[in-house]
């Protein structure tokens, strides 16, 4: 495990030295060891942020059990995953001369807000526009996705392009409701 000397050595490294150390560590350790190191770095960073932003100081003996519990949870999740992975369809650009606008939404139940993400690409897959929209008074995740879809359609109209625009999202219920 990390000792004070190792932490001081990492803290004194330049970005180039740190990248070289990380690359060496990744190529010479097992998956379990890499998981432990990455989780430890994440936990140390989180403890640092708590101390800096919240005034809550956490010692190494307090951080260590968190790391082991978290890794235990990851291992439990991995045991429950199916033996086969379902391959997802990869994104494809639209046929020329069409444009494609992809939409997605993130919903916050507590604040009843959502954020819509919109990306427009041409037939070569090059991004030609994007938007992020903050939405207030959103009642549920379904409404958040519907709003993102509407905003994607509005983006296509606003672009005033001659090309046909395809709107694509991963919310199957919303997409089915739009196809009438």
C-alpha atoms as a PDB file:
ATOM      1  CA  UNK A   1       0.000   0.000   0.000  1.00  0.00           C
ATOM      2  CA  UNK A   2       1.010   3.612  -0.285  1.00  0.00           C
ATOM      3  CA  UNK A   3       3.359   4.930   2.324  1.00  0.00           C
ATOM      4  CA  UNK A   4       4.320   8.529   3.071  1.00  0.00           C
ATOM      5  CA  UNK A   5       7.506   8.312   0.969  1.00  0.00           C
ATOM      6  CA  UNK A   6       5.609   7.055  -2.100  1.00  0.00           C
ATOM      7  CA  UNK A   7       3.015   9.825  -1.766  1.00  0.00           C
ATOM      8  CA  UNK A   8       5.758  12.467  -1.457  1.00  0.00           C
ATOM      9  CA  UNK A   9       7.484  11.032  -4.536  1.00  0.00           C
ATOM     10  CA  UNK A  10       4.252  11.247  -6.587  1.00  0.00           C
ATOM     11  CA  UNK A  11       3.518  14.776  -5.305  1.00  0.00           C
ATOM     12  CA  UNK A  12       6.929  15.996  -6.467  1.00  0.00           C
ATOM     13  CA  UNK A  13       6.596  14.650 -10.011  1.00  0.00           C
ATOM     14  CA  UNK A  14       6.126  16.819 -13.079  1.00  0.00           C
ATOM     15  CA  UNK A  15       3.227  15.992 -15.414  1.00  0.00           C
ATOM     16  CA  UNK A  16       5.577  14.121 -17.756  1.00  0.00           C
ATOM     17  CA  UNK A  17       7.100  12.094 -14.927  1.00  0.00           C
ATOM     18  CA  UNK A  18       3.645  11.322 -13.543  1.00  0.00           C
ATOM     19  CA  UNK A  19       2.385  10.125 -16.933  1.00  0.00           C
ATOM     20  CA  UNK A  20       5.466   7.932 -17.352  1.00  0.00           C
ATOM     21  CA  UNK A  21       4.954   6.478 -13.855  1.00  0.00           C
ATOM     22  CA  UNK A  22       1.242   5.820 -14.543  1.00  0.00           C
ATOM     23  CA  UNK A  23       2.047   4.194 -17.899  1.00  0.00           C
ATOM     24  CA  UNK A  24       4.677   1.971 -16.271  1.00  0.00           C
ATOM     25  CA  UNK A  25       2.307   1.079 -13.445  1.00  0.00           C
ATOM     26  CA  UNK A  26      -0.504   0.178 -15.854  1.00  0.00           C
ATOM     27  CA  UNK A  27       1.698  -2.028 -18.035  1.00  0.00           C
ATOM     28  CA  UNK A  28       3.405  -3.885 -15.178  1.00  0.00           C
ATOM     29  CA  UNK A  29       0.558  -4.655 -12.760  1.00  0.00           C
ATOM     30  CA  UNK A  30      -2.479  -6.897 -12.650  1.00  0.00           C
ATOM     31  CA  UNK A  31      -6.041  -5.682 -13.139  1.00  0.00           C
ATOM     32  CA  UNK A  32      -6.645  -5.975  -9.385  1.00  0.00           C
ATOM     33  CA  UNK A  33      -3.568  -3.892  -8.543  1.00  0.00           C
ATOM     34  CA  UNK A  34      -4.513  -1.229 -11.098  1.00  0.00           C
ATOM     35  CA  UNK A  35      -8.037  -1.099  -9.681  1.00  0.00           C
ATOM     36  CA  UNK A  36      -6.599  -0.614  -6.193  1.00  0.00           C
ATOM     37  CA  UNK A  37      -4.224   2.170  -7.271  1.00  0.00           C
ATOM     38  CA  UNK A  38      -6.848   4.026  -9.299  1.00  0.00           C
ATOM     39  CA  UNK A  39      -9.389   3.726  -6.476  1.00  0.00           C
ATOM     40  CA  UNK A  40      -6.778   4.946  -3.979  1.00  0.00           C
ATOM     41  CA  UNK A  41      -5.931   7.955  -6.169  1.00  0.00           C
ATOM     42  CA  UNK A  42      -9.634   8.740  -6.492  1.00  0.00           C
ATOM     43  CA  UNK A  43     -10.198   8.402  -2.717  1.00  0.00           C
ATOM     44  CA  UNK A  44      -7.178  10.590  -1.928  1.00  0.00           C
ATOM     45  CA  UNK A  45      -8.429  13.231  -4.371  1.00  0.00           C
ATOM     46  CA  UNK A  46     -11.921  13.091  -2.822  1.00  0.00           C
ATOM     47  CA  UNK A  47     -10.415  13.435   0.686  1.00  0.00           C
ATOM     48  CA  UNK A  48      -8.356  16.388  -0.508  1.00  0.00           C
ATOM     49  CA  UNK A  49     -11.468  18.071  -1.940  1.00  0.00           C
ATOM     50  CA  UNK A  50     -13.396  17.513   1.319  1.00  0.00           C
ATOM     51  CA  UNK A  51     -10.568  19.105   3.281  1.00  0.00           C
ATOM     52  CA  UNK A  52     -10.220  22.002   0.877  1.00  0.00           C
ATOM     53  CA  UNK A  53     -13.897  22.766   0.240  1.00  0.00           C
ATOM     54  CA  UNK A  54     -15.712  21.483   3.330  1.00  0.00           C
ATOM     55  CA  UNK A  55     -13.053  21.674   6.034  1.00  0.00           C
ATOM     56  CA  UNK A  56     -13.450  17.933   6.717  1.00  0.00           C
ATOM     57  CA  UNK A  57     -10.055  16.302   7.203  1.00  0.00           C
ATOM     58  CA  UNK A  58      -9.755  12.568   6.634  1.00  0.00           C
ATOM     59  CA  UNK A  59      -6.666  10.623   7.632  1.00  0.00           C
ATOM     60  CA  UNK A  60      -5.146   7.718   5.692  1.00  0.00           C
ATOM     61  CA  UNK A  61      -6.476   5.178   8.250  1.00  0.00           C
ATOM     62  CA  UNK A  62      -9.977   6.602   7.629  1.00  0.00           C
ATOM     63  CA  UNK A  63      -9.584   6.551   3.833  1.00  0.00           C
ATOM     64  CA  UNK A  64      -8.239   2.989   3.556  1.00  0.00           C
ATOM     65  CA  UNK A  65     -11.449   1.165   4.660  1.00  0.00           C
ATOM     66  CA  UNK A  66     -13.436   3.218   2.142  1.00  0.00           C
ATOM     67  CA  UNK A  67     -11.113   2.057  -0.659  1.00  0.00           C
ATOM     68  CA  UNK A  68     -11.476  -1.611   0.308  1.00  0.00           C
ATOM     69  CA  UNK A  69     -15.270  -1.356   0.690  1.00  0.00           C
ATOM     70  CA  UNK A  70     -15.574   0.324  -2.696  1.00  0.00           C
ATOM     71  CA  UNK A  71     -13.434  -2.318  -4.402  1.00  0.00           C
ATOM     72  CA  UNK A  72     -15.537  -4.999  -2.705  1.00  0.00           C
ATOM     73  CA  UNK A  73     -18.675  -3.393  -4.164  1.00  0.00           C
ATOM     74  CA  UNK A  74     -17.083  -3.309  -7.639  1.00  0.00           C
ATOM     75  CA  UNK A  75     -16.223  -6.996  -7.382  1.00  0.00           C
ATOM     76  CA  UNK A  76     -19.774  -7.822  -6.270  1.00  0.00           C
ATOM     77  CA  UNK A  77     -21.190  -5.957  -9.265  1.00  0.00           C
ATOM     78  CA  UNK A  78     -18.779  -7.781 -11.608  1.00  0.00           C
ATOM     79  CA  UNK A  79     -19.959 -11.149 -10.235  1.00  0.00           C
ATOM     80  CA  UNK A  80     -23.585 -10.214 -10.994  1.00  0.00           C
ATOM     81  CA  UNK A  81     -22.921  -9.107 -14.582  1.00  0.00           C
ATOM     82  CA  UNK A  82     -24.023 -11.495 -17.312  1.00  0.00           C
ATOM     83  CA  UNK A  83     -21.375 -13.752 -18.834  1.00  0.00           C
ATOM     84  CA  UNK A  84     -22.042 -12.332 -22.290  1.00  0.00           C
ATOM     85  CA  UNK A  85     -21.920  -8.700 -23.190  1.00  0.00           C
ATOM     86  CA  UNK A  86     -24.671  -7.283 -25.337  1.00  0.00           C
ATOM     87  CA  UNK A  87     -23.138  -5.393 -28.207  1.00  0.00           C
ATOM     88  CA  UNK A  88     -24.630  -1.981 -28.688  1.00  0.00           C
ATOM     89  CA  UNK A  89     -25.144  -0.502 -32.104  1.00  0.00           C
ATOM     90  CA  UNK A  90     -22.493   2.087 -32.865  1.00  0.00           C
ATOM     91  CA  UNK A  91     -23.357   5.589 -34.004  1.00  0.00           C
ATOM     92  CA  UNK A  92     -23.483   5.993 -37.762  1.00  0.00           C
ATOM     93  CA  UNK A  93     -23.383   9.220 -39.739  1.00  0.00           C
ATOM     94  CA  UNK A  94     -26.431  10.083 -41.859  1.00  0.00           C
ATOM     95  CA  UNK A  95     -26.509   9.510 -45.606  1.00  0.00           C
ATOM     96  CA  UNK A  96     -25.347  12.513 -47.650  1.00  0.00           C
ATOM     97  CA  UNK A  97     -26.569  15.275 -47.766  1.00  0.00           C
ATOM     98  CA  UNK A  98     -28.510  14.776 -44.510  1.00  0.00           C
ATOM     99  CA  UNK A  99     -27.578  16.027 -41.054  1.00  0.00           C
ATOM    100  CA  UNK A 100     -28.119  14.088 -37.828  1.00  0.00           C
ATOM    101  CA  UNK A 101     -28.950  15.656 -34.460  1.00  0.00           C
ATOM    102  CA  UNK A 102     -28.476  13.368 -31.463  1.00  0.00           C
ATOM    103  CA  UNK A 103     -30.158  14.249 -28.179  1.00  0.00           C
ATOM    104  CA  UNK A 104     -29.962  13.065 -24.593  1.00  0.00           C
ATOM    105  CA  UNK A 105     -31.083  14.272 -21.188  1.00  0.00           C
ATOM    106  CA  UNK A 106     -30.002  14.080 -17.568  1.00  0.00           C
ATOM    107  CA  UNK A 107     -32.690  14.510 -14.886  1.00  0.00           C
ATOM    108  CA  UNK A 108     -32.330  15.645 -11.257  1.00  0.00           C
ATOM    109  CA  UNK A 109     -35.297  14.402  -9.199  1.00  0.00           C
ATOM    110  CA  UNK A 110     -34.549  16.575  -6.182  1.00  0.00           C
ATOM    111  CA  UNK A 111     -34.380  19.921  -8.009  1.00  0.00           C
ATOM    112  CA  UNK A 112     -36.815  18.949 -10.797  1.00  0.00           C
ATOM    113  CA  UNK A 113     -34.301  20.142 -13.378  1.00  0.00           C
ATOM    114  CA  UNK A 114     -32.798  18.545 -16.435  1.00  0.00           C
ATOM    115  CA  UNK A 115     -30.048  19.227 -18.911  1.00  0.00           C
ATOM    116  CA  UNK A 116     -30.398  18.494 -22.581  1.00  0.00           C
ATOM    117  CA  UNK A 117     -27.398  17.688 -24.722  1.00  0.00           C
ATOM    118  CA  UNK A 118     -27.661  18.137 -28.478  1.00  0.00           C
ATOM    119  CA  UNK A 119     -25.038  17.394 -31.154  1.00  0.00           C
ATOM    120  CA  UNK A 120     -25.436  17.913 -34.907  1.00  0.00           C
ATOM    121  CA  UNK A 121     -23.138  16.116 -37.364  1.00  0.00           C
ATOM    122  CA  UNK A 122     -22.923  15.941 -41.121  1.00  0.00           C
ATOM    123  CA  UNK A 123     -22.619  12.856 -43.346  1.00  0.00           C
ATOM    124  CA  UNK A 124     -18.854  12.742 -42.708  1.00  0.00           C
ATOM    125  CA  UNK A 125     -19.467  12.557 -38.948  1.00  0.00           C
ATOM    126  CA  UNK A 126     -18.046  16.052 -38.390  1.00  0.00           C
ATOM    127  CA  UNK A 127     -19.727  18.061 -35.663  1.00  0.00           C
ATOM    128  CA  UNK A 128     -21.295  21.214 -37.059  1.00  0.00           C
ATOM    129  CA  UNK A 129     -23.157  22.360 -33.966  1.00  0.00           C
ATOM    130  CA  UNK A 130     -23.975  21.539 -30.358  1.00  0.00           C
ATOM    131  CA  UNK A 131     -26.052  22.861 -27.481  1.00  0.00           C
ATOM    132  CA  UNK A 132     -26.529  22.242 -23.799  1.00  0.00           C
ATOM    133  CA  UNK A 133     -29.802  23.488 -22.328  1.00  0.00           C
ATOM    134  CA  UNK A 134     -30.753  23.781 -18.637  1.00  0.00           C
ATOM    135  CA  UNK A 135     -34.461  23.100 -18.046  1.00  0.00           C
ATOM    136  CA  UNK A 136     -36.452  23.974 -14.917  1.00  0.00           C
ATOM    137  CA  UNK A 137     -39.723  22.558 -13.540  1.00  0.00           C
ATOM    138  CA  UNK A 138     -39.306  19.184 -15.245  1.00  0.00           C
ATOM    139  CA  UNK A 139     -41.623  16.620 -13.587  1.00  0.00           C
ATOM    140  CA  UNK A 140     -39.905  13.325 -14.499  1.00  0.00           C
ATOM    141  CA  UNK A 141     -37.239  11.609 -16.658  1.00  0.00           C
ATOM    142  CA  UNK A 142     -39.744  10.965 -19.473  1.00  0.00           C
ATOM    143  CA  UNK A 143     -40.492  14.701 -19.699  1.00  0.00           C
ATOM    144  CA  UNK A 144     -36.746  15.471 -19.652  1.00  0.00           C
ATOM    145  CA  UNK A 145     -36.137  13.193 -22.666  1.00  0.00           C
ATOM    146  CA  UNK A 146     -39.223  14.559 -24.479  1.00  0.00           C
ATOM    147  CA  UNK A 147     -37.979  18.100 -23.906  1.00  0.00           C
ATOM    148  CA  UNK A 148     -34.510  17.171 -25.239  1.00  0.00           C
ATOM    149  CA  UNK A 149     -36.149  15.687 -28.356  1.00  0.00           C
ATOM    150  CA  UNK A 150     -38.199  18.863 -28.884  1.00  0.00           C
ATOM    151  CA  UNK A 151     -35.042  20.968 -28.461  1.00  0.00           C
ATOM    152  CA  UNK A 152     -33.263  18.799 -31.062  1.00  0.00           C
ATOM    153  CA  UNK A 153     -36.106  19.419 -33.511  1.00  0.00           C
ATOM    154  CA  UNK A 154     -35.967  23.157 -32.756  1.00  0.00           C
ATOM    155  CA  UNK A 155     -32.193  23.098 -33.304  1.00  0.00           C
ATOM    156  CA  UNK A 156     -32.744  21.558 -36.740  1.00  0.00           C
ATOM    157  CA  UNK A 157     -35.269  24.282 -37.597  1.00  0.00           C
ATOM    158  CA  UNK A 158     -32.975  27.041 -36.249  1.00  0.00           C
ATOM    159  CA  UNK A 159     -30.086  25.816 -38.408  1.00  0.00           C
ATOM    160  CA  UNK A 160     -32.129  26.735 -41.513  1.00  0.00           C
ATOM    161  CA  UNK A 161     -30.325  24.116 -43.583  1.00  0.00           C
ATOM    162  CA  UNK A 162     -31.518  22.829 -46.941  1.00  0.00           C
ATOM    163  CA  UNK A 163     -30.468  19.309 -45.992  1.00  0.00           C
ATOM    164  CA  UNK A 164     -32.900  16.911 -44.386  1.00  0.00           C
ATOM    165  CA  UNK A 165     -32.306  16.495 -40.644  1.00  0.00           C
ATOM    166  CA  UNK A 166     -32.504  13.173 -38.806  1.00  0.00           C
ATOM    167  CA  UNK A 167     -33.195  13.375 -35.066  1.00  0.00           C
ATOM    168  CA  UNK A 168     -31.867  10.454 -33.022  1.00  0.00           C
ATOM    169  CA  UNK A 169     -32.021   9.619 -29.328  1.00  0.00           C
ATOM    170  CA  UNK A 170     -31.758   6.596 -27.057  1.00  0.00           C
ATOM    171  CA  UNK A 171     -35.150   7.089 -25.352  1.00  0.00           C
ATOM    172  CA  UNK A 172     -37.177   4.491 -27.259  1.00  0.00           C
ATOM    173  CA  UNK A 173     -40.532   5.616 -25.852  1.00  0.00           C
ATOM    174  CA  UNK A 174     -39.958   9.205 -27.003  1.00  0.00           C
ATOM    175  CA  UNK A 175     -38.762   8.131 -30.442  1.00  0.00           C
ATOM    176  CA  UNK A 176     -41.816   5.856 -30.902  1.00  0.00           C
ATOM    177  CA  UNK A 177     -44.179   8.681 -29.903  1.00  0.00           C
ATOM    178  CA  UNK A 178     -42.553  10.963 -32.522  1.00  0.00           C
ATOM    179  CA  UNK A 179     -43.053   8.434 -35.335  1.00  0.00           C
ATOM    180  CA  UNK A 180     -46.734   8.799 -36.141  1.00  0.00           C
END
